[in-house]
Structure formats: structure tokens, C-alpha cells
Amino acid sequence: MPDDRRAIRLDQFIGHPPAKVWRALTDPGLVTRWLMPGDYRAEVGHRFTFTTTPRPDVGFDGVVPCEVLEVEPEKLVKLAWGRESWIVTWRLEPEGHGTRFFLDHEGFDPDDPAQQLSRRIMGGGWPRIVTLIGRIAGEL
């Protein structure tokens, strides 16, 4: 069994077709609405940063350097995320009239208290973010 301290995993249904979820997930202007401002483009090899409010209490400066590692239109985006060698994968599968949204945020060090704190914080945030992606997809 995988060590659940190494990853955040979500499996959430979104009641909109993959094309709309994909647009919410990859349109830079829409991504800013549900995640963070940044110069994101869903193009393999694109390096970019997201920026948000710093959290000095947990050692976070508010800057998230990323690189797009893999893109399969209307199916998958895989990113190198942050300075900690984390990998974030967003995967879409058609399901009925909607989309099954899978999120994997992997690579947390189970022995590093700061990374475990980050995992707990982001583990609480990702479900809300996926819900927001669904709301935005519904507006399209």
C-alpha cells in the first residue's frame, strides 16, 4: 500500500463535459480565477511561476515555480510543482454527461515536517479548488 504521507490524491466528479473542464483547467485567464496568478500555458516544457500571498509562518514565500511536463488535450496535464520536486497531475475521464477529475500531488517527504505541513494545507485546499474548476466549467 502506498504511503499516504507522500501524496494527495483526489477523485471528484464534475457535472460538465471534459471539453469545458479542460478549458477551465488550461485557459490562463480562467486558471487565475481558481488557482493563482501566473504565466501558465499548457505547453510541454513551459517554465512559469504562480504567485500568491506569502506564508512566512510555514516558510512559503508565495512563489511556486513550475514546468509543464506532459499534456494530452482534454485528458491530462502534468506539472513539476514548487522547489521540492513535487509532481501535480490533473487527469480527466469522460463519465456520463460529466467528467471524472483525478488529481495527484506527489513527492512529499514523509520525514520532513515542513513538507508534511504543506501536504496537510494543500490537501485541504485542492478539493475546494476542484469544486471551483467545476463551477467555472459550468459558466462556459
N, C-alpha and C. Protein backbone atom coordinates (compact mmCIF):
# COMPACT_ATOMS: atom_id res chain seq x y z
N MET A 1 0.85 -1.19 0.00
CA MET A 1 0.00 0.00 0.00
C MET A 1 0.89 1.25 0.00
N PRO A 2 0.56 2.25 -0.87
CA PRO A 2 1.38 3.45 -0.92
C PRO A 2 1.33 4.24 0.39
N ASP A 3 2.40 4.94 0.67
CA ASP A 3 2.50 5.77 1.87
C ASP A 3 1.67 7.04 1.63
N ASP A 4 0.56 7.20 2.35
CA ASP A 4 -0.32 8.34 2.12
C ASP A 4 0.30 9.66 2.59
N ARG A 5 1.47 9.59 3.20
CA ARG A 5 2.16 10.83 3.57
C ARG A 5 2.98 11.38 2.41
N ARG A 6 3.05 10.65 1.32
CA ARG A 6 3.83 11.07 0.15
C ARG A 6 2.99 11.79 -0.91
N ALA A 7 1.65 11.74 -0.79
CA ALA A 7 0.83 12.27 -1.88
C ALA A 7 -0.53 12.76 -1.39
N ILE A 8 -1.12 13.59 -2.21
CA ILE A 8 -2.53 13.98 -2.10
C ILE A 8 -3.19 13.38 -3.34
N ARG A 9 -4.29 12.67 -3.15
CA ARG A 9 -4.99 12.06 -4.28
C ARG A 9 -6.48 12.41 -4.19
N LEU A 10 -7.02 12.91 -5.28
CA LEU A 10 -8.45 13.23 -5.34
C LEU A 10 -9.08 12.53 -6.53
N ASP A 11 -10.32 12.18 -6.35
CA ASP A 11 -11.15 11.61 -7.40
C ASP A 11 -12.51 12.28 -7.22
N GLN A 12 -12.83 13.22 -8.11
CA GLN A 12 -14.03 14.02 -7.92
C GLN A 12 -14.80 14.12 -9.24
N PHE A 13 -16.11 13.95 -9.19
CA PHE A 13 -16.95 14.09 -10.38
C PHE A 13 -17.30 15.56 -10.57
N ILE A 14 -17.20 16.01 -11.84
CA ILE A 14 -17.61 17.36 -12.23
C ILE A 14 -18.71 17.18 -13.27
N GLY A 15 -19.84 17.79 -13.06
CA GLY A 15 -21.01 17.59 -13.90
C GLY A 15 -21.01 18.37 -15.20
N HIS A 16 -19.85 18.47 -15.83
CA HIS A 16 -19.72 19.17 -17.11
C HIS A 16 -18.79 18.36 -17.99
N PRO A 17 -18.97 18.43 -19.32
CA PRO A 17 -18.16 17.61 -20.22
C PRO A 17 -16.67 17.95 -20.16
N PRO A 18 -15.82 16.96 -20.53
CA PRO A 18 -14.37 17.20 -20.48
C PRO A 18 -13.89 18.43 -21.23
N ALA A 19 -14.51 18.78 -22.35
CA ALA A 19 -14.06 19.95 -23.11
C ALA A 19 -14.17 21.23 -22.27
N LYS A 20 -15.24 21.36 -21.51
CA LYS A 20 -15.41 22.55 -20.67
C LYS A 20 -14.46 22.51 -19.48
N VAL A 21 -14.30 21.34 -18.86
CA VAL A 21 -13.37 21.22 -17.73
C VAL A 21 -11.95 21.50 -18.22
N TRP A 22 -11.62 20.98 -19.39
CA TRP A 22 -10.29 21.21 -19.97
C TRP A 22 -10.04 22.70 -20.17
N ARG A 23 -11.04 23.40 -20.70
CA ARG A 23 -10.86 24.84 -20.90
C ARG A 23 -10.63 25.55 -19.57
N ALA A 24 -11.42 25.20 -18.55
CA ALA A 24 -11.23 25.81 -17.22
C ALA A 24 -9.84 25.49 -16.67
N LEU A 25 -9.34 24.32 -17.01
CA LEU A 25 -8.06 23.83 -16.49
C LEU A 25 -6.86 24.41 -17.24
N THR A 26 -7.05 24.86 -18.48
CA THR A 26 -5.89 25.24 -19.28
C THR A 26 -5.91 26.67 -19.80
N ASP A 27 -7.04 27.35 -19.77
CA ASP A 27 -7.09 28.74 -20.23
C ASP A 27 -6.43 29.61 -19.16
N PRO A 28 -5.32 30.29 -19.50
CA PRO A 28 -4.59 31.05 -18.48
C PRO A 28 -5.44 32.03 -17.68
N GLY A 29 -6.37 32.71 -18.34
CA GLY A 29 -7.23 33.66 -17.63
C GLY A 29 -8.15 32.97 -16.64
N LEU A 30 -8.63 31.78 -16.99
CA LEU A 30 -9.50 31.03 -16.09
C LEU A 30 -8.71 30.41 -14.94
N VAL A 31 -7.50 29.94 -15.23
CA VAL A 31 -6.66 29.34 -14.18
C VAL A 31 -6.39 30.36 -13.07
N THR A 32 -6.21 31.61 -13.44
CA THR A 32 -6.01 32.66 -12.45
C THR A 32 -7.20 32.76 -11.50
N ARG A 33 -8.39 32.46 -11.99
CA ARG A 33 -9.59 32.55 -11.15
C ARG A 33 -9.65 31.44 -10.10
N TRP A 34 -9.18 30.23 -10.43
CA TRP A 34 -9.32 29.13 -9.48
C TRP A 34 -8.03 28.74 -8.77
N LEU A 35 -6.90 29.24 -9.24
CA LEU A 35 -5.65 28.85 -8.60
C LEU A 35 -4.88 30.08 -8.13
N MET A 36 -3.98 30.57 -8.96
CA MET A 36 -3.15 31.72 -8.61
C MET A 36 -2.79 32.45 -9.89
N PRO A 37 -2.44 33.74 -9.78
CA PRO A 37 -1.90 34.43 -10.95
C PRO A 37 -0.56 33.81 -11.35
N GLY A 38 -0.31 33.82 -12.62
CA GLY A 38 0.96 33.30 -13.12
C GLY A 38 0.99 33.34 -14.63
N ASP A 39 2.09 32.92 -15.20
CA ASP A 39 2.25 32.93 -16.65
C ASP A 39 2.14 31.52 -17.22
N TYR A 40 1.18 30.77 -16.71
CA TYR A 40 0.92 29.39 -17.10
C TYR A 40 0.42 29.27 -18.53
N ARG A 41 0.93 28.29 -19.24
CA ARG A 41 0.43 27.84 -20.54
C ARG A 41 0.58 26.33 -20.57
N ALA A 42 -0.42 25.63 -21.05
CA ALA A 42 -0.38 24.17 -21.09
C ALA A 42 0.42 23.71 -22.32
N GLU A 43 1.72 23.98 -22.27
CA GLU A 43 2.63 23.60 -23.35
C GLU A 43 3.83 22.90 -22.73
N VAL A 44 4.12 21.69 -23.20
CA VAL A 44 5.23 20.90 -22.65
C VAL A 44 6.51 21.72 -22.72
N GLY A 45 7.23 21.74 -21.60
CA GLY A 45 8.50 22.45 -21.50
C GLY A 45 8.37 23.88 -21.00
N HIS A 46 7.14 24.41 -20.94
CA HIS A 46 6.94 25.79 -20.50
C HIS A 46 7.25 25.90 -18.99
N ARG A 47 8.18 26.77 -18.65
CA ARG A 47 8.51 27.06 -17.25
C ARG A 47 7.82 28.36 -16.86
N PHE A 48 7.24 28.37 -15.68
CA PHE A 48 6.46 29.54 -15.26
C PHE A 48 6.40 29.57 -13.74
N THR A 49 5.82 30.63 -13.23
CA THR A 49 5.59 30.73 -11.78
C THR A 49 4.16 31.13 -11.51
N PHE A 50 3.63 30.59 -10.42
CA PHE A 50 2.40 31.08 -9.83
C PHE A 50 2.82 31.93 -8.64
N THR A 51 2.04 32.95 -8.32
CA THR A 51 2.34 33.76 -7.15
C THR A 51 1.08 33.94 -6.32
N THR A 52 1.28 33.94 -5.02
CA THR A 52 0.17 34.11 -4.09
C THR A 52 0.69 34.78 -2.83
N THR A 53 -0.15 34.87 -1.84
CA THR A 53 0.23 35.50 -0.58
C THR A 53 1.29 34.68 0.14
N PRO A 54 2.40 35.29 0.49
CA PRO A 54 3.44 34.56 1.25
C PRO A 54 2.90 34.09 2.60
N ARG A 55 3.43 32.98 3.06
CA ARG A 55 3.11 32.44 4.39
C ARG A 55 4.42 32.23 5.16
N PRO A 56 5.04 33.30 5.67
CA PRO A 56 6.33 33.17 6.35
C PRO A 56 6.28 32.20 7.53
N ASP A 57 5.09 32.05 8.16
CA ASP A 57 4.97 31.16 9.31
C ASP A 57 5.25 29.70 8.94
N VAL A 58 5.10 29.36 7.64
CA VAL A 58 5.40 27.99 7.20
C VAL A 58 6.53 27.96 6.17
N GLY A 59 7.25 29.08 6.05
CA GLY A 59 8.41 29.14 5.17
C GLY A 59 8.07 29.24 3.69
N PHE A 60 6.88 29.76 3.36
CA PHE A 60 6.45 29.86 1.96
C PHE A 60 6.50 31.32 1.53
N ASP A 61 7.28 31.60 0.47
CA ASP A 61 7.47 32.98 0.01
C ASP A 61 6.40 33.45 -0.97
N GLY A 62 5.44 32.58 -1.30
CA GLY A 62 4.36 32.97 -2.20
C GLY A 62 4.64 32.71 -3.66
N VAL A 63 5.81 32.18 -3.99
CA VAL A 63 6.18 31.91 -5.38
C VAL A 63 6.27 30.40 -5.59
N VAL A 64 5.57 29.92 -6.62
CA VAL A 64 5.58 28.48 -6.94
C VAL A 64 6.14 28.31 -8.36
N PRO A 65 7.43 27.95 -8.47
CA PRO A 65 7.99 27.70 -9.79
C PRO A 65 7.48 26.36 -10.32
N CYS A 66 7.13 26.33 -11.60
CA CYS A 66 6.56 25.13 -12.21
C CYS A 66 7.12 24.92 -13.61
N GLU A 67 6.93 23.70 -14.11
CA GLU A 67 7.23 23.38 -15.50
C GLU A 67 6.19 22.37 -15.98
N VAL A 68 5.70 22.59 -17.20
CA VAL A 68 4.74 21.66 -17.79
C VAL A 68 5.53 20.46 -18.32
N LEU A 69 5.23 19.27 -17.79
CA LEU A 69 5.94 18.06 -18.17
C LEU A 69 5.23 17.24 -19.24
N GLU A 70 3.90 17.28 -19.22
CA GLU A 70 3.13 16.45 -20.14
C GLU A 70 1.76 17.09 -20.35
N VAL A 71 1.27 17.01 -21.58
CA VAL A 71 -0.07 17.49 -21.92
C VAL A 71 -0.69 16.50 -22.90
N GLU A 72 -1.89 16.06 -22.61
CA GLU A 72 -2.72 15.30 -23.55
C GLU A 72 -4.05 16.03 -23.60
N PRO A 73 -4.33 16.74 -24.70
CA PRO A 73 -5.53 17.57 -24.77
C PRO A 73 -6.80 16.85 -24.30
N GLU A 74 -7.53 17.54 -23.47
CA GLU A 74 -8.77 17.09 -22.86
C GLU A 74 -8.61 15.85 -21.99
N LYS A 75 -7.35 15.49 -21.65
CA LYS A 75 -7.12 14.30 -20.83
C LYS A 75 -6.18 14.52 -19.65
N LEU A 76 -5.05 15.23 -19.84
CA LEU A 76 -4.04 15.24 -18.80
C LEU A 76 -3.12 16.45 -18.89
N VAL A 77 -2.77 16.99 -17.72
CA VAL A 77 -1.69 17.96 -17.58
C VAL A 77 -0.85 17.49 -16.40
N LYS A 78 0.47 17.41 -16.60
CA LYS A 78 1.40 17.03 -15.53
C LYS A 78 2.41 18.15 -15.38
N LEU A 79 2.58 18.60 -14.12
CA LEU A 79 3.47 19.71 -13.82
C LEU A 79 4.52 19.33 -12.78
N ALA A 80 5.74 19.82 -12.96
CA ALA A 80 6.70 19.88 -11.86
C ALA A 80 6.24 21.08 -11.04
N TRP A 81 6.12 20.91 -9.72
CA TRP A 81 5.46 21.92 -8.88
C TRP A 81 6.35 22.28 -7.71
N GLY A 82 6.73 23.53 -7.62
CA GLY A 82 7.47 24.01 -6.47
C GLY A 82 8.94 23.64 -6.50
N ARG A 83 9.60 23.97 -5.42
CA ARG A 83 11.05 23.74 -5.30
C ARG A 83 11.36 22.37 -4.70
N GLU A 84 10.34 21.64 -4.32
CA GLU A 84 10.50 20.39 -3.58
C GLU A 84 10.44 19.14 -4.45
N SER A 85 10.49 19.29 -5.77
CA SER A 85 10.39 18.15 -6.70
C SER A 85 9.04 17.45 -6.63
N TRP A 86 8.00 18.20 -6.35
CA TRP A 86 6.66 17.63 -6.36
C TRP A 86 6.15 17.55 -7.79
N ILE A 87 5.25 16.60 -8.04
CA ILE A 87 4.60 16.45 -9.33
C ILE A 87 3.09 16.56 -9.11
N VAL A 88 2.44 17.42 -9.88
CA VAL A 88 0.98 17.57 -9.83
C VAL A 88 0.44 17.11 -11.18
N THR A 89 -0.50 16.17 -11.13
CA THR A 89 -1.13 15.65 -12.35
C THR A 89 -2.63 15.87 -12.25
N TRP A 90 -3.19 16.47 -13.30
CA TRP A 90 -4.63 16.63 -13.43
C TRP A 90 -5.06 15.73 -14.59
N ARG A 91 -5.95 14.79 -14.33
CA ARG A 91 -6.38 13.85 -15.36
C ARG A 91 -7.91 13.86 -15.46
N LEU A 92 -8.40 13.89 -16.68
CA LEU A 92 -9.84 13.94 -16.95
C LEU A 92 -10.27 12.67 -17.66
N GLU A 93 -11.42 12.12 -17.24
CA GLU A 93 -12.03 10.99 -17.93
C GLU A 93 -13.51 11.28 -18.11
N PRO A 94 -14.03 11.10 -19.34
CA PRO A 94 -15.47 11.29 -19.53
C PRO A 94 -16.25 10.30 -18.66
N GLU A 95 -17.34 10.77 -18.11
CA GLU A 95 -18.21 9.90 -17.31
C GLU A 95 -19.64 10.40 -17.47
N GLY A 96 -20.45 9.63 -18.19
CA GLY A 96 -21.82 10.06 -18.45
C GLY A 96 -21.82 11.40 -19.16
N HIS A 97 -22.55 12.36 -18.60
CA HIS A 97 -22.60 13.71 -19.17
C HIS A 97 -21.58 14.64 -18.52
N GLY A 98 -20.69 14.07 -17.72
CA GLY A 98 -19.72 14.89 -17.00
C GLY A 98 -18.30 14.37 -17.15
N THR A 99 -17.50 14.68 -16.14
CA THR A 99 -16.07 14.38 -16.16
C THR A 99 -15.64 13.87 -14.80
N ARG A 100 -14.87 12.81 -14.78
CA ARG A 100 -14.21 12.35 -13.56
C ARG A 100 -12.86 13.06 -13.54
N PHE A 101 -12.61 13.82 -12.48
CA PHE A 101 -11.39 14.62 -12.34
C PHE A 101 -10.51 13.93 -11.30
N PHE A 102 -9.32 13.55 -11.73
CA PHE A 102 -8.34 12.95 -10.82
C PHE A 102 -7.20 13.94 -10.62
N LEU A 103 -6.79 14.10 -9.39
CA LEU A 103 -5.65 14.95 -9.06
C LEU A 103 -4.68 14.13 -8.21
N ASP A 104 -3.42 14.13 -8.61
CA ASP A 104 -2.35 13.53 -7.81
C ASP A 104 -1.30 14.60 -7.59
N HIS A 105 -0.99 14.86 -6.33
CA HIS A 105 0.08 15.79 -5.96
C HIS A 105 1.07 14.93 -5.18
N GLU A 106 2.17 14.56 -5.83
CA GLU A 106 3.08 13.53 -5.30
C GLU A 106 4.46 14.07 -5.00
N GLY A 107 5.16 13.33 -4.15
CA GLY A 107 6.57 13.61 -3.88
C GLY A 107 6.86 14.20 -2.52
N PHE A 108 5.88 14.24 -1.62
CA PHE A 108 6.12 14.78 -0.28
C PHE A 108 7.03 13.84 0.50
N ASP A 109 7.99 14.42 1.19
CA ASP A 109 8.91 13.64 2.03
C ASP A 109 8.20 13.34 3.36
N PRO A 110 7.95 12.06 3.65
CA PRO A 110 7.23 11.71 4.88
C PRO A 110 8.00 12.04 6.15
N ASP A 111 9.32 12.26 6.02
CA ASP A 111 10.15 12.54 7.19
C ASP A 111 10.47 14.02 7.37
N ASP A 112 9.92 14.86 6.51
CA ASP A 112 10.18 16.30 6.58
C ASP A 112 8.93 16.99 7.14
N PRO A 113 8.99 17.50 8.38
CA PRO A 113 7.81 18.13 8.98
C PRO A 113 7.25 19.29 8.15
N ALA A 114 8.11 20.07 7.51
CA ALA A 114 7.63 21.21 6.70
C ALA A 114 6.85 20.70 5.49
N GLN A 115 7.34 19.65 4.86
CA GLN A 115 6.62 19.11 3.70
C GLN A 115 5.30 18.46 4.13
N GLN A 116 5.29 17.84 5.30
CA GLN A 116 4.04 17.24 5.78
C GLN A 116 3.02 18.32 6.13
N LEU A 117 3.48 19.44 6.65
CA LEU A 117 2.58 20.56 6.90
C LEU A 117 2.02 21.08 5.57
N SER A 118 2.88 21.21 4.57
CA SER A 118 2.43 21.64 3.24
C SER A 118 1.41 20.66 2.68
N ARG A 119 1.65 19.37 2.84
CA ARG A 119 0.71 18.35 2.35
C ARG A 119 -0.65 18.50 3.02
N ARG A 120 -0.65 18.73 4.32
CA ARG A 120 -1.92 18.90 5.04
C ARG A 120 -2.65 20.16 4.58
N ILE A 121 -1.92 21.26 4.42
CA ILE A 121 -2.53 22.52 3.98
C ILE A 121 -3.10 22.35 2.57
N MET A 122 -2.29 21.85 1.66
CA MET A 122 -2.75 21.70 0.28
C MET A 122 -3.79 20.60 0.14
N GLY A 123 -3.70 19.59 0.98
CA GLY A 123 -4.71 18.53 0.97
C GLY A 123 -6.09 19.06 1.31
N GLY A 124 -6.15 20.11 2.12
CA GLY A 124 -7.42 20.75 2.43
C GLY A 124 -7.86 21.71 1.35
N GLY A 125 -6.92 22.25 0.60
CA GLY A 125 -7.24 23.23 -0.43
C GLY A 125 -7.62 22.65 -1.78
N TRP A 126 -6.98 21.56 -2.18
CA TRP A 126 -7.25 21.00 -3.51
C TRP A 126 -8.72 20.63 -3.72
N PRO A 127 -9.42 20.00 -2.78
CA PRO A 127 -10.84 19.69 -3.04
C PRO A 127 -11.68 20.94 -3.32
N ARG A 128 -11.43 22.02 -2.60
CA ARG A 128 -12.16 23.26 -2.85
C ARG A 128 -11.81 23.81 -4.24
N ILE A 129 -10.55 23.70 -4.63
CA ILE A 129 -10.13 24.19 -5.94
C ILE A 129 -10.81 23.39 -7.05
N VAL A 130 -10.87 22.07 -6.91
CA VAL A 130 -11.53 21.25 -7.94
C VAL A 130 -13.01 21.61 -8.05
N THR A 131 -13.65 21.87 -6.93
CA THR A 131 -15.05 22.32 -6.95
C THR A 131 -15.17 23.64 -7.72
N LEU A 132 -14.24 24.55 -7.50
CA LEU A 132 -14.25 25.83 -8.21
C LEU A 132 -14.03 25.63 -9.72
N ILE A 133 -13.15 24.71 -10.09
CA ILE A 133 -12.95 24.39 -11.51
C ILE A 133 -14.28 23.97 -12.12
N GLY A 134 -15.02 23.14 -11.39
CA GLY A 134 -16.33 22.70 -11.87
C GLY A 134 -17.30 23.86 -12.04
N ARG A 135 -17.30 24.79 -11.11
CA ARG A 135 -18.19 25.96 -11.22
C ARG A 135 -17.83 26.78 -12.46
N ILE A 136 -16.54 26.99 -12.67
CA ILE A 136 -16.10 27.78 -13.82
C ILE A 136 -16.45 27.04 -15.10
N ALA A 137 -16.26 25.72 -15.15
CA ALA A 137 -16.62 24.94 -16.35
C ALA A 137 -18.11 25.11 -16.64
N GLY A 138 -18.93 25.22 -15.61
CA GLY A 138 -20.36 25.41 -15.78
C GLY A 138 -20.73 26.76 -16.38
N GLU A 139 -19.84 27.72 -16.27
CA GLU A 139 -20.09 29.06 -16.84
C GLU A 139 -19.75 29.12 -18.32
N LEU A 140 -19.04 28.12 -18.80
CA LEU A 140 -18.53 28.16 -20.20
C LEU A 140 -19.57 27.67 -21.20
